[in-house]
mmCIF file of all heavy atoms, coordinates in Angstrom:
data_MODEL
# 
_entry.id   MODEL 
# 
loop_
_atom_site.group_PDB 
_atom_site.id 
_atom_site.type_symbol 
_atom_site.label_atom_id 
_atom_site.label_alt_id 
_atom_site.label_comp_id 
_atom_site.label_asym_id 
_atom_site.label_entity_id 
_atom_site.label_seq_id 
_atom_site.pdbx_PDB_ins_code 
_atom_site.Cartn_x 
_atom_site.Cartn_y 
_atom_site.Cartn_z 
_atom_site.occupancy 
_atom_site.B_iso_or_equiv 
_atom_site.pdbx_formal_charge 
_atom_site.auth_seq_id 
_atom_site.auth_comp_id 
_atom_site.auth_asym_id 
_atom_site.auth_atom_id 
_atom_site.pdbx_PDB_model_num 
ATOM 1   N N   . ILE A 1 1  ? -6.001 -0.886  -2.436  1.00 0.00 ? 1  ILE A N   1 
ATOM 2   C CA  . ILE A 1 1  ? -5.808 -0.982  -3.914  1.00 0.00 ? 1  ILE A CA  1 
ATOM 3   C C   . ILE A 1 1  ? -5.160 0.318   -4.350  1.00 0.00 ? 1  ILE A C   1 
ATOM 4   O O   . ILE A 1 1  ? -5.709 1.452   -4.103  1.00 0.00 ? 1  ILE A O   1 
ATOM 5   C CB  . ILE A 1 1  ? -7.137 -1.209  -4.599  1.00 0.00 ? 1  ILE A CB  1 
ATOM 6   C CG1 . ILE A 1 1  ? -7.771 -2.492  -4.130  1.00 0.00 ? 1  ILE A CG1 1 
ATOM 7   C CG2 . ILE A 1 1  ? -6.913 -1.238  -6.129  1.00 0.00 ? 1  ILE A CG2 1 
ATOM 8   C CD1 . ILE A 1 1  ? -9.181 -2.808  -4.700  1.00 0.00 ? 1  ILE A CD1 1 
ATOM 9   N N   . THR A 1 2  ? -4.057 0.267   -5.047  1.00 0.00 ? 2  THR A N   1 
ATOM 10  C CA  . THR A 1 2  ? -3.433 1.295   -5.712  1.00 0.00 ? 2  THR A CA  1 
ATOM 11  C C   . THR A 1 2  ? -3.182 1.033   -7.191  1.00 0.00 ? 2  THR A C   1 
ATOM 12  O O   . THR A 1 2  ? -3.270 -0.116  -7.556  1.00 0.00 ? 2  THR A O   1 
ATOM 13  C CB  . THR A 1 2  ? -2.112 1.720   -5.019  1.00 0.00 ? 2  THR A CB  1 
ATOM 14  O OG1 . THR A 1 2  ? -1.245 0.589   -5.086  1.00 0.00 ? 2  THR A OG1 1 
ATOM 15  C CG2 . THR A 1 2  ? -2.300 2.020   -3.665  1.00 0.00 ? 2  THR A CG2 1 
ATOM 16  N N   . GLY A 1 3  ? -2.868 2.089   -7.969  1.00 0.00 ? 3  GLY A N   1 
ATOM 17  C CA  . GLY A 1 3  ? -2.505 1.822   -9.318  1.00 0.00 ? 3  GLY A CA  1 
ATOM 18  C C   . GLY A 1 3  ? -1.073 2.117   -9.641  1.00 0.00 ? 3  GLY A C   1 
ATOM 19  O O   . GLY A 1 3  ? -0.487 2.894   -8.958  1.00 0.00 ? 3  GLY A O   1 
ATOM 20  N N   . ALA A 1 4  ? -0.585 1.503   -10.700 1.00 0.00 ? 4  ALA A N   1 
ATOM 21  C CA  . ALA A 1 4  ? 0.760  1.678   -11.041 1.00 0.00 ? 4  ALA A CA  1 
ATOM 22  C C   . ALA A 1 4  ? 1.016  3.091   -11.419 1.00 0.00 ? 4  ALA A C   1 
ATOM 23  O O   . ALA A 1 4  ? 2.199  3.631   -11.368 1.00 0.00 ? 4  ALA A O   1 
ATOM 24  C CB  . ALA A 1 4  ? 1.095  0.769   -12.250 1.00 0.00 ? 4  ALA A CB  1 
ATOM 25  N N   . TYR A 1 5  ? -0.075 3.855   -11.853 1.00 0.00 ? 5  TYR A N   1 
ATOM 26  C CA  . TYR A 1 5  ? 0.100  5.287   -12.257 1.00 0.00 ? 5  TYR A CA  1 
ATOM 27  C C   . TYR A 1 5  ? -0.469 6.183   -11.237 1.00 0.00 ? 5  TYR A C   1 
ATOM 28  O O   . TYR A 1 5  ? -0.790 7.331   -11.471 1.00 0.00 ? 5  TYR A O   1 
ATOM 29  C CB  . TYR A 1 5  ? -0.528 5.554   -13.618 1.00 0.00 ? 5  TYR A CB  1 
ATOM 30  C CG  . TYR A 1 5  ? 0.018  4.665   -14.647 1.00 0.00 ? 5  TYR A CG  1 
ATOM 31  C CD1 . TYR A 1 5  ? -0.560 3.442   -15.114 1.00 0.00 ? 5  TYR A CD1 1 
ATOM 32  C CD2 . TYR A 1 5  ? 1.230  5.017   -15.321 1.00 0.00 ? 5  TYR A CD2 1 
ATOM 33  C CE1 . TYR A 1 5  ? -0.003 2.680   -16.122 1.00 0.00 ? 5  TYR A CE1 1 
ATOM 34  C CE2 . TYR A 1 5  ? 1.793  4.256   -16.354 1.00 0.00 ? 5  TYR A CE2 1 
ATOM 35  C CZ  . TYR A 1 5  ? 1.185  3.012   -16.747 1.00 0.00 ? 5  TYR A CZ  1 
ATOM 36  O OH  . TYR A 1 5  ? 1.759  2.278   -17.667 1.00 0.00 ? 5  TYR A OH  1 
ATOM 37  N N   . ASP A 1 6  ? -0.621 5.706   -9.994  1.00 0.00 ? 6  ASP A N   1 
ATOM 38  C CA  . ASP A 1 6  ? -1.102 6.432   -8.833  1.00 0.00 ? 6  ASP A CA  1 
ATOM 39  C C   . ASP A 1 6  ? -0.153 7.534   -8.406  1.00 0.00 ? 6  ASP A C   1 
ATOM 40  O O   . ASP A 1 6  ? 1.097  7.530   -8.860  1.00 0.00 ? 6  ASP A O   1 
ATOM 41  C CB  . ASP A 1 6  ? -1.523 5.593   -7.739  1.00 0.00 ? 6  ASP A CB  1 
ATOM 42  C CG  . ASP A 1 6  ? -2.704 6.101   -6.984  1.00 0.00 ? 6  ASP A CG  1 
ATOM 43  O OD1 . ASP A 1 6  ? -2.933 7.237   -6.818  1.00 0.00 ? 6  ASP A OD1 1 
ATOM 44  O OD2 . ASP A 1 6  ? -3.547 5.182   -6.572  1.00 0.00 ? 6  ASP A OD2 1 
ATOM 45  N N   . ILE A 1 7  ? -0.489 8.370   -7.516  1.00 0.00 ? 7  ILE A N   1 
ATOM 46  C CA  . ILE A 1 7  ? 0.376  9.385   -7.001  1.00 0.00 ? 7  ILE A CA  1 
ATOM 47  C C   . ILE A 1 7  ? 1.470  8.659   -6.262  1.00 0.00 ? 7  ILE A C   1 
ATOM 48  O O   . ILE A 1 7  ? 1.265  7.767   -5.488  1.00 0.00 ? 7  ILE A O   1 
ATOM 49  C CB  . ILE A 1 7  ? -0.447 10.335  -6.070  1.00 0.00 ? 7  ILE A CB  1 
ATOM 50  C CG1 . ILE A 1 7  ? -1.544 11.056  -6.854  1.00 0.00 ? 7  ILE A CG1 1 
ATOM 51  C CG2 . ILE A 1 7  ? 0.521  11.396  -5.372  1.00 0.00 ? 7  ILE A CG2 1 
ATOM 52  C CD1 . ILE A 1 7  ? -2.523 11.864  -6.030  1.00 0.00 ? 7  ILE A CD1 1 
ATOM 53  N N   . GLY A 1 8  ? 2.669  9.244   -6.349  1.00 0.00 ? 8  GLY A N   1 
ATOM 54  C CA  . GLY A 1 8  ? 3.898  8.568   -5.833  1.00 0.00 ? 8  GLY A CA  1 
ATOM 55  C C   . GLY A 1 8  ? 3.829  8.309   -4.373  1.00 0.00 ? 8  GLY A C   1 
ATOM 56  O O   . GLY A 1 8  ? 4.139  7.155   -3.909  1.00 0.00 ? 8  GLY A O   1 
ATOM 57  N N   . ARG A 1 9  ? 3.405  9.252   -3.570  1.00 0.00 ? 9  ARG A N   1 
ATOM 58  C CA  . ARG A 1 9  ? 3.395  9.049   -2.138  1.00 0.00 ? 9  ARG A CA  1 
ATOM 59  C C   . ARG A 1 9  ? 2.352  8.014   -1.759  1.00 0.00 ? 9  ARG A C   1 
ATOM 60  O O   . ARG A 1 9  ? 2.500  7.287   -0.700  1.00 0.00 ? 9  ARG A O   1 
ATOM 61  C CB  . ARG A 1 9  ? 3.024  10.372  -1.386  1.00 0.00 ? 9  ARG A CB  1 
ATOM 62  C CG  . ARG A 1 9  ? 4.175  11.447  -1.515  1.00 0.00 ? 9  ARG A CG  1 
ATOM 63  C CD  . ARG A 1 9  ? 3.784  12.689  -0.781  1.00 0.00 ? 9  ARG A CD  1 
ATOM 64  N NE  . ARG A 1 9  ? 3.702  12.380  0.720   1.00 0.00 ? 9  ARG A NE  1 
ATOM 65  C CZ  . ARG A 1 9  ? 3.188  13.261  1.545   1.00 0.00 ? 9  ARG A CZ  1 
ATOM 66  N NH1 . ARG A 1 9  ? 2.696  14.395  1.153   1.00 0.00 ? 9  ARG A NH1 1 
ATOM 67  N NH2 . ARG A 1 9  ? 3.091  12.940  2.858   1.00 0.00 ? 9  ARG A NH2 1 
ATOM 68  N N   . ILE A 1 10 ? 1.244  7.866   -2.481  1.00 0.00 ? 10 ILE A N   1 
ATOM 69  C CA  . ILE A 1 10 ? 0.251  6.848   -2.232  1.00 0.00 ? 10 ILE A CA  1 
ATOM 70  C C   . ILE A 1 10 ? 0.905  5.465   -2.549  1.00 0.00 ? 10 ILE A C   1 
ATOM 71  O O   . ILE A 1 10 ? 0.594  4.605   -1.779  1.00 0.00 ? 10 ILE A O   1 
ATOM 72  C CB  . ILE A 1 10 ? -1.031 7.138   -3.068  1.00 0.00 ? 10 ILE A CB  1 
ATOM 73  C CG1 . ILE A 1 10 ? -1.769 8.314   -2.465  1.00 0.00 ? 10 ILE A CG1 1 
ATOM 74  C CG2 . ILE A 1 10 ? -1.926 5.974   -3.156  1.00 0.00 ? 10 ILE A CG2 1 
ATOM 75  C CD1 . ILE A 1 10 ? -2.987 8.714   -3.182  1.00 0.00 ? 10 ILE A CD1 1 
ATOM 76  N N   . ARG A 1 11 ? 1.581  5.318   -3.689  1.00 0.00 ? 11 ARG A N   1 
ATOM 77  C CA  . ARG A 1 11 ? 2.195  4.052   -3.998  1.00 0.00 ? 11 ARG A CA  1 
ATOM 78  C C   . ARG A 1 11 ? 3.226  3.686   -2.896  1.00 0.00 ? 11 ARG A C   1 
ATOM 79  O O   . ARG A 1 11 ? 3.422  2.445   -2.596  1.00 0.00 ? 11 ARG A O   1 
ATOM 80  C CB  . ARG A 1 11 ? 2.940  4.160   -5.378  1.00 0.00 ? 11 ARG A CB  1 
ATOM 81  C CG  . ARG A 1 11 ? 1.963  4.343   -6.555  1.00 0.00 ? 11 ARG A CG  1 
ATOM 82  C CD  . ARG A 1 11 ? 2.655  4.038   -7.801  1.00 0.00 ? 11 ARG A CD  1 
ATOM 83  N NE  . ARG A 1 11 ? 3.950  4.495   -7.961  1.00 0.00 ? 11 ARG A NE  1 
ATOM 84  C CZ  . ARG A 1 11 ? 4.243  5.749   -8.583  1.00 0.00 ? 11 ARG A CZ  1 
ATOM 85  N NH1 . ARG A 1 11 ? 3.250  6.497   -8.940  1.00 0.00 ? 11 ARG A NH1 1 
ATOM 86  N NH2 . ARG A 1 11 ? 5.346  6.238   -8.657  1.00 0.00 ? 11 ARG A NH2 1 
ATOM 87  N N   . GLN A 1 12 ? 3.918  4.625   -2.322  1.00 0.00 ? 12 GLN A N   1 
ATOM 88  C CA  . GLN A 1 12 ? 4.840  4.343   -1.327  1.00 0.00 ? 12 GLN A CA  1 
ATOM 89  C C   . GLN A 1 12 ? 4.217  4.050   0.065   1.00 0.00 ? 12 GLN A C   1 
ATOM 90  O O   . GLN A 1 12 ? 4.779  3.212   0.830   1.00 0.00 ? 12 GLN A O   1 
ATOM 91  C CB  . GLN A 1 12 ? 5.826  5.524   -1.118  1.00 0.00 ? 12 GLN A CB  1 
ATOM 92  C CG  . GLN A 1 12 ? 6.716  5.834   -2.333  1.00 0.00 ? 12 GLN A CG  1 
ATOM 93  C CD  . GLN A 1 12 ? 7.309  7.269   -2.291  1.00 0.00 ? 12 GLN A CD  1 
ATOM 94  O OE1 . GLN A 1 12 ? 7.167  7.984   -1.243  1.00 0.00 ? 12 GLN A OE1 1 
ATOM 95  N NE2 . GLN A 1 12 ? 7.899  7.761   -3.336  1.00 0.00 ? 12 GLN A NE2 1 
ATOM 96  N N   . PHE A 1 13 ? 3.011  4.534   0.295   1.00 0.00 ? 13 PHE A N   1 
ATOM 97  C CA  . PHE A 1 13 ? 2.327  4.411   1.602   1.00 0.00 ? 13 PHE A CA  1 
ATOM 98  C C   . PHE A 1 13 ? 1.781  2.959   1.687   1.00 0.00 ? 13 PHE A C   1 
ATOM 99  O O   . PHE A 1 13 ? 1.792  2.395   2.732   1.00 0.00 ? 13 PHE A O   1 
ATOM 100 C CB  . PHE A 1 13 ? 1.277  5.446   1.686   1.00 0.00 ? 13 PHE A CB  1 
ATOM 101 C CG  . PHE A 1 13 ? 0.375  5.265   2.848   1.00 0.00 ? 13 PHE A CG  1 
ATOM 102 C CD1 . PHE A 1 13 ? 0.927  5.376   4.170   1.00 0.00 ? 13 PHE A CD1 1 
ATOM 103 C CD2 . PHE A 1 13 ? -0.966 5.063   2.836   1.00 0.00 ? 13 PHE A CD2 1 
ATOM 104 C CE1 . PHE A 1 13 ? 0.082  5.233   5.300   1.00 0.00 ? 13 PHE A CE1 1 
ATOM 105 C CE2 . PHE A 1 13 ? -1.752 4.914   3.861   1.00 0.00 ? 13 PHE A CE2 1 
ATOM 106 C CZ  . PHE A 1 13 ? -1.265 4.947   5.226   1.00 0.00 ? 13 PHE A CZ  1 
ATOM 107 N N   . ALA A 1 14 ? 1.212  2.455   0.531   1.00 0.00 ? 14 ALA A N   1 
ATOM 108 C CA  . ALA A 1 14 ? 0.485  1.162   0.649   1.00 0.00 ? 14 ALA A CA  1 
ATOM 109 C C   . ALA A 1 14 ? 1.336  0.085   1.213   1.00 0.00 ? 14 ALA A C   1 
ATOM 110 O O   . ALA A 1 14 ? 0.856  -0.663  2.032   1.00 0.00 ? 14 ALA A O   1 
ATOM 111 C CB  . ALA A 1 14 ? -0.003 0.873   -0.802  1.00 0.00 ? 14 ALA A CB  1 
ATOM 112 N N   . PRO A 1 15 ? 2.524  -0.174  0.739   1.00 0.00 ? 15 PRO A N   1 
ATOM 113 C CA  . PRO A 1 15 ? 3.288  -1.284  1.298   1.00 0.00 ? 15 PRO A CA  1 
ATOM 114 C C   . PRO A 1 15 ? 3.585  -1.121  2.797   1.00 0.00 ? 15 PRO A C   1 
ATOM 115 O O   . PRO A 1 15 ? 3.787  -2.101  3.420   1.00 0.00 ? 15 PRO A O   1 
ATOM 116 C CB  . PRO A 1 15 ? 4.562  -1.339  0.463   1.00 0.00 ? 15 PRO A CB  1 
ATOM 117 C CG  . PRO A 1 15 ? 4.696  -0.009  -0.175  1.00 0.00 ? 15 PRO A CG  1 
ATOM 118 C CD  . PRO A 1 15 ? 3.306  0.432   -0.342  1.00 0.00 ? 15 PRO A CD  1 
ATOM 119 N N   . ILE A 1 16 ? 3.747  0.179   3.209   1.00 0.00 ? 16 ILE A N   1 
ATOM 120 C CA  . ILE A 1 16 ? 4.001  0.415   4.695   1.00 0.00 ? 16 ILE A CA  1 
ATOM 121 C C   . ILE A 1 16 ? 2.845  -0.068  5.493   1.00 0.00 ? 16 ILE A C   1 
ATOM 122 O O   . ILE A 1 16 ? 2.981  -0.740  6.461   1.00 0.00 ? 16 ILE A O   1 
ATOM 123 C CB  . ILE A 1 16 ? 4.270  1.891   4.916   1.00 0.00 ? 16 ILE A CB  1 
ATOM 124 C CG1 . ILE A 1 16 ? 5.614  2.340   4.228   1.00 0.00 ? 16 ILE A CG1 1 
ATOM 125 C CG2 . ILE A 1 16 ? 4.350  2.169   6.376   1.00 0.00 ? 16 ILE A CG2 1 
ATOM 126 C CD1 . ILE A 1 16 ? 5.814  3.814   4.265   1.00 0.00 ? 16 ILE A CD1 1 
ATOM 127 N N   . MET A 1 17 ? 1.579  0.295   5.060   1.00 0.00 ? 17 MET A N   1 
ATOM 128 C CA  . MET A 1 17 ? 0.362  -0.147  5.699   1.00 0.00 ? 17 MET A CA  1 
ATOM 129 C C   . MET A 1 17 ? 0.260  -1.651  5.536   1.00 0.00 ? 17 MET A C   1 
ATOM 130 O O   . MET A 1 17 ? -0.282 -2.276  6.600   1.00 0.00 ? 17 MET A O   1 
ATOM 131 C CB  . MET A 1 17 ? -0.842 0.596   5.098   1.00 0.00 ? 17 MET A CB  1 
ATOM 132 C CG  . MET A 1 17 ? -0.893 2.068   5.384   1.00 0.00 ? 17 MET A CG  1 
ATOM 133 S SD  . MET A 1 17 ? -0.700 2.477   7.082   1.00 0.00 ? 17 MET A SD  1 
ATOM 134 C CE  . MET A 1 17 ? -2.120 1.668   7.820   1.00 0.00 ? 17 MET A CE  1 
ATOM 135 N N   . ASN A 1 18 ? 0.675  -2.221  4.470   1.00 0.00 ? 18 ASN A N   1 
ATOM 136 C CA  . ASN A 1 18 ? 0.553  -3.698  4.346   1.00 0.00 ? 18 ASN A CA  1 
ATOM 137 C C   . ASN A 1 18 ? 1.406  -4.385  5.326   1.00 0.00 ? 18 ASN A C   1 
ATOM 138 O O   . ASN A 1 18 ? 1.015  -5.376  5.951   1.00 0.00 ? 18 ASN A O   1 
ATOM 139 C CB  . ASN A 1 18 ? 1.011  -4.042  2.823   1.00 0.00 ? 18 ASN A CB  1 
ATOM 140 C CG  . ASN A 1 18 ? 0.753  -5.460  2.553   1.00 0.00 ? 18 ASN A CG  1 
ATOM 141 O OD1 . ASN A 1 18 ? -0.310 -6.021  2.856   1.00 0.00 ? 18 ASN A OD1 1 
ATOM 142 N ND2 . ASN A 1 18 ? 1.741  -6.143  1.922   1.00 0.00 ? 18 ASN A ND2 1 
ATOM 143 N N   . ASP A 1 19 ? 2.626  -3.822  5.696   1.00 0.00 ? 19 ASP A N   1 
ATOM 144 C CA  . ASP A 1 19 ? 3.496  -4.357  6.658   1.00 0.00 ? 19 ASP A CA  1 
ATOM 145 C C   . ASP A 1 19 ? 2.804  -4.174  8.084   1.00 0.00 ? 19 ASP A C   1 
ATOM 146 O O   . ASP A 1 19 ? 2.986  -5.127  8.909   1.00 0.00 ? 19 ASP A O   1 
ATOM 147 C CB  . ASP A 1 19 ? 4.824  -3.756  6.653   1.00 0.00 ? 19 ASP A CB  1 
ATOM 148 C CG  . ASP A 1 19 ? 5.606  -4.186  5.335   1.00 0.00 ? 19 ASP A CG  1 
ATOM 149 O OD1 . ASP A 1 19 ? 5.223  -5.184  4.737   1.00 0.00 ? 19 ASP A OD1 1 
ATOM 150 O OD2 . ASP A 1 19 ? 6.468  -3.445  4.954   1.00 0.00 ? 19 ASP A OD2 1 
ATOM 151 N N   . LEU A 1 20 ? 2.211  -2.968  8.358   1.00 0.00 ? 20 LEU A N   1 
ATOM 152 C CA  . LEU A 1 20 ? 1.668  -2.724  9.646   1.00 0.00 ? 20 LEU A CA  1 
ATOM 153 C C   . LEU A 1 20 ? 0.628  -3.781  10.045  1.00 0.00 ? 20 LEU A C   1 
ATOM 154 O O   . LEU A 1 20 ? 0.598  -4.184  11.237  1.00 0.00 ? 20 LEU A O   1 
ATOM 155 C CB  . LEU A 1 20 ? 1.044  -1.340  9.626   1.00 0.00 ? 20 LEU A CB  1 
ATOM 156 C CG  . LEU A 1 20 ? 0.391  -0.899  10.858  1.00 0.00 ? 20 LEU A CG  1 
ATOM 157 C CD1 . LEU A 1 20 ? 1.330  -0.790  12.088  1.00 0.00 ? 20 LEU A CD1 1 
ATOM 158 C CD2 . LEU A 1 20 ? -0.397 0.425   10.623  1.00 0.00 ? 20 LEU A CD2 1 
ATOM 159 N N   . GLY A 1 21 ? -0.231 -4.064  9.133   1.00 0.00 ? 21 GLY A N   1 
ATOM 160 C CA  . GLY A 1 21 ? -1.356 -4.889  9.562   1.00 0.00 ? 21 GLY A CA  1 
ATOM 161 C C   . GLY A 1 21 ? -1.284 -6.360  9.105   1.00 0.00 ? 21 GLY A C   1 
ATOM 162 O O   . GLY A 1 21 ? -2.281 -7.076  9.311   1.00 0.00 ? 21 GLY A O   1 
ATOM 163 N N   . SER A 1 22 ? -0.183 -6.830  8.562   1.00 0.00 ? 22 SER A N   1 
ATOM 164 C CA  . SER A 1 22 ? -0.093 -8.161  8.081   1.00 0.00 ? 22 SER A CA  1 
ATOM 165 C C   . SER A 1 22 ? -0.377 -9.140  9.253   1.00 0.00 ? 22 SER A C   1 
ATOM 166 O O   . SER A 1 22 ? -0.014 -8.983  10.374  1.00 0.00 ? 22 SER A O   1 
ATOM 167 C CB  . SER A 1 22 ? 1.325  -8.433  7.616   1.00 0.00 ? 22 SER A CB  1 
ATOM 168 O OG  . SER A 1 22 ? 1.433  -9.735  7.152   1.00 0.00 ? 22 SER A OG  1 
ATOM 169 N N   . PRO A 1 23 ? -1.228 -10.249 9.013   1.00 0.00 ? 23 PRO A N   1 
ATOM 170 C CA  . PRO A 1 23 ? -1.651 -10.721 7.705   1.00 0.00 ? 23 PRO A CA  1 
ATOM 171 C C   . PRO A 1 23 ? -3.057 -10.254 7.258   1.00 0.00 ? 23 PRO A C   1 
ATOM 172 O O   . PRO A 1 23 ? -3.426 -10.763 6.262   1.00 0.00 ? 23 PRO A O   1 
ATOM 173 C CB  . PRO A 1 23 ? -1.623 -12.306 7.919   1.00 0.00 ? 23 PRO A CB  1 
ATOM 174 C CG  . PRO A 1 23 ? -2.051 -12.436 9.336   1.00 0.00 ? 23 PRO A CG  1 
ATOM 175 C CD  . PRO A 1 23 ? -1.564 -11.138 10.132  1.00 0.00 ? 23 PRO A CD  1 
ATOM 176 N N   . HIS A 1 24 ? -3.773 -9.503  8.120   1.00 0.00 ? 24 HIS A N   1 
ATOM 177 C CA  . HIS A 1 24 ? -5.184 -9.235  7.733   1.00 0.00 ? 24 HIS A CA  1 
ATOM 178 C C   . HIS A 1 24 ? -5.353 -8.016  6.743   1.00 0.00 ? 24 HIS A C   1 
ATOM 179 O O   . HIS A 1 24 ? -6.443 -7.701  6.354   1.00 0.00 ? 24 HIS A O   1 
ATOM 180 C CB  . HIS A 1 24 ? -6.071 -8.933  8.999   1.00 0.00 ? 24 HIS A CB  1 
ATOM 181 C CG  . HIS A 1 24 ? -5.770 -7.736  9.573   1.00 0.00 ? 24 HIS A CG  1 
ATOM 182 N ND1 . HIS A 1 24 ? -4.583 -7.478  10.352  1.00 0.00 ? 24 HIS A ND1 1 
ATOM 183 C CD2 . HIS A 1 24 ? -6.368 -6.516  9.650   1.00 0.00 ? 24 HIS A CD2 1 
ATOM 184 C CE1 . HIS A 1 24 ? -4.672 -6.219  10.870  1.00 0.00 ? 24 HIS A CE1 1 
ATOM 185 N NE2 . HIS A 1 24 ? -5.733 -5.635  10.454  1.00 0.00 ? 24 HIS A NE2 1 
ATOM 186 N N   . ILE A 1 25 ? -4.231 -7.484  6.309   1.00 0.00 ? 25 ILE A N   1 
ATOM 187 C CA  . ILE A 1 25 ? -4.265 -6.395  5.324   1.00 0.00 ? 25 ILE A CA  1 
ATOM 188 C C   . ILE A 1 25 ? -3.716 -6.938  4.020   1.00 0.00 ? 25 ILE A C   1 
ATOM 189 O O   . ILE A 1 25 ? -2.586 -7.542  3.983   1.00 0.00 ? 25 ILE A O   1 
ATOM 190 C CB  . ILE A 1 25 ? -3.408 -5.202  5.759   1.00 0.00 ? 25 ILE A CB  1 
ATOM 191 C CG1 . ILE A 1 25 ? -4.051 -4.503  6.965   1.00 0.00 ? 25 ILE A CG1 1 
ATOM 192 C CG2 . ILE A 1 25 ? -3.323 -4.142  4.612   1.00 0.00 ? 25 ILE A CG2 1 
ATOM 193 C CD1 . ILE A 1 25 ? -3.320 -3.345  7.456   1.00 0.00 ? 25 ILE A CD1 1 
ATOM 194 N N   . GLU A 1 26 ? -4.407 -6.820  2.917   1.00 0.00 ? 26 GLU A N   1 
ATOM 195 C CA  . GLU A 1 26 ? -4.017 -7.234  1.609   1.00 0.00 ? 26 GLU A CA  1 
ATOM 196 C C   . GLU A 1 26 ? -3.828 -6.075  0.668   1.00 0.00 ? 26 GLU A C   1 
ATOM 197 O O   . GLU A 1 26 ? -4.681 -5.186  0.664   1.00 0.00 ? 26 GLU A O   1 
ATOM 198 C CB  . GLU A 1 26 ? -5.048 -8.257  1.050   1.00 0.00 ? 26 GLU A CB  1 
ATOM 199 C CG  . GLU A 1 26 ? -4.621 -8.910  -0.284  1.00 0.00 ? 26 GLU A CG  1 
ATOM 200 C CD  . GLU A 1 26 ? -5.647 -9.920  -0.700  1.00 0.00 ? 26 GLU A CD  1 
ATOM 201 O OE1 . GLU A 1 26 ? -6.598 -10.191 -0.007  1.00 0.00 ? 26 GLU A OE1 1 
ATOM 202 O OE2 . GLU A 1 26 ? -5.438 -10.466 -1.859  1.00 0.00 ? 26 GLU A OE2 1 
ATOM 203 N N   . TRP A 1 27 ? -2.803 -6.065  -0.141  1.00 0.00 ? 27 TRP A N   1 
ATOM 204 C CA  . TRP A 1 27 ? -2.580 -4.918  -1.002  1.00 0.00 ? 27 TRP A CA  1 
ATOM 205 C C   . TRP A 1 27 ? -2.468 -5.437  -2.439  1.00 0.00 ? 27 TRP A C   1 
ATOM 206 O O   . TRP A 1 27 ? -1.816 -6.341  -2.722  1.00 0.00 ? 27 TRP A O   1 
ATOM 207 C CB  . TRP A 1 27 ? -1.128 -4.318  -0.541  1.00 0.00 ? 27 TRP A CB  1 
ATOM 208 C CG  . TRP A 1 27 ? -0.735 -3.187  -1.625  1.00 0.00 ? 27 TRP A CG  1 
ATOM 209 C CD1 . TRP A 1 27 ? -1.457 -2.369  -2.295  1.00 0.00 ? 27 TRP A CD1 1 
ATOM 210 C CD2 . TRP A 1 27 ? 0.622  -2.980  -2.071  1.00 0.00 ? 27 TRP A CD2 1 
ATOM 211 N NE1 . TRP A 1 27 ? -0.731 -1.543  -3.090  1.00 0.00 ? 27 TRP A NE1 1 
ATOM 212 C CE2 . TRP A 1 27 ? 0.565  -1.875  -2.944  1.00 0.00 ? 27 TRP A CE2 1 
ATOM 213 C CE3 . TRP A 1 27 ? 1.925  -3.585  -1.683  1.00 0.00 ? 27 TRP A CE3 1 
ATOM 214 C CZ2 . TRP A 1 27 ? 1.765  -1.447  -3.536  1.00 0.00 ? 27 TRP A CZ2 1 
ATOM 215 C CZ3 . TRP A 1 27 ? 3.027  -3.148  -2.346  1.00 0.00 ? 27 TRP A CZ3 1 
ATOM 216 C CH2 . TRP A 1 27 ? 2.933  -2.044  -3.213  1.00 0.00 ? 27 TRP A CH2 1 
# 
């Protein structure tokens, strides 16, 4: 879970991790 106003690098990291673990990772 991230926020639209979260730190930039955190917002960029989440979709990368989402791709790494798909389908058992949900973002």
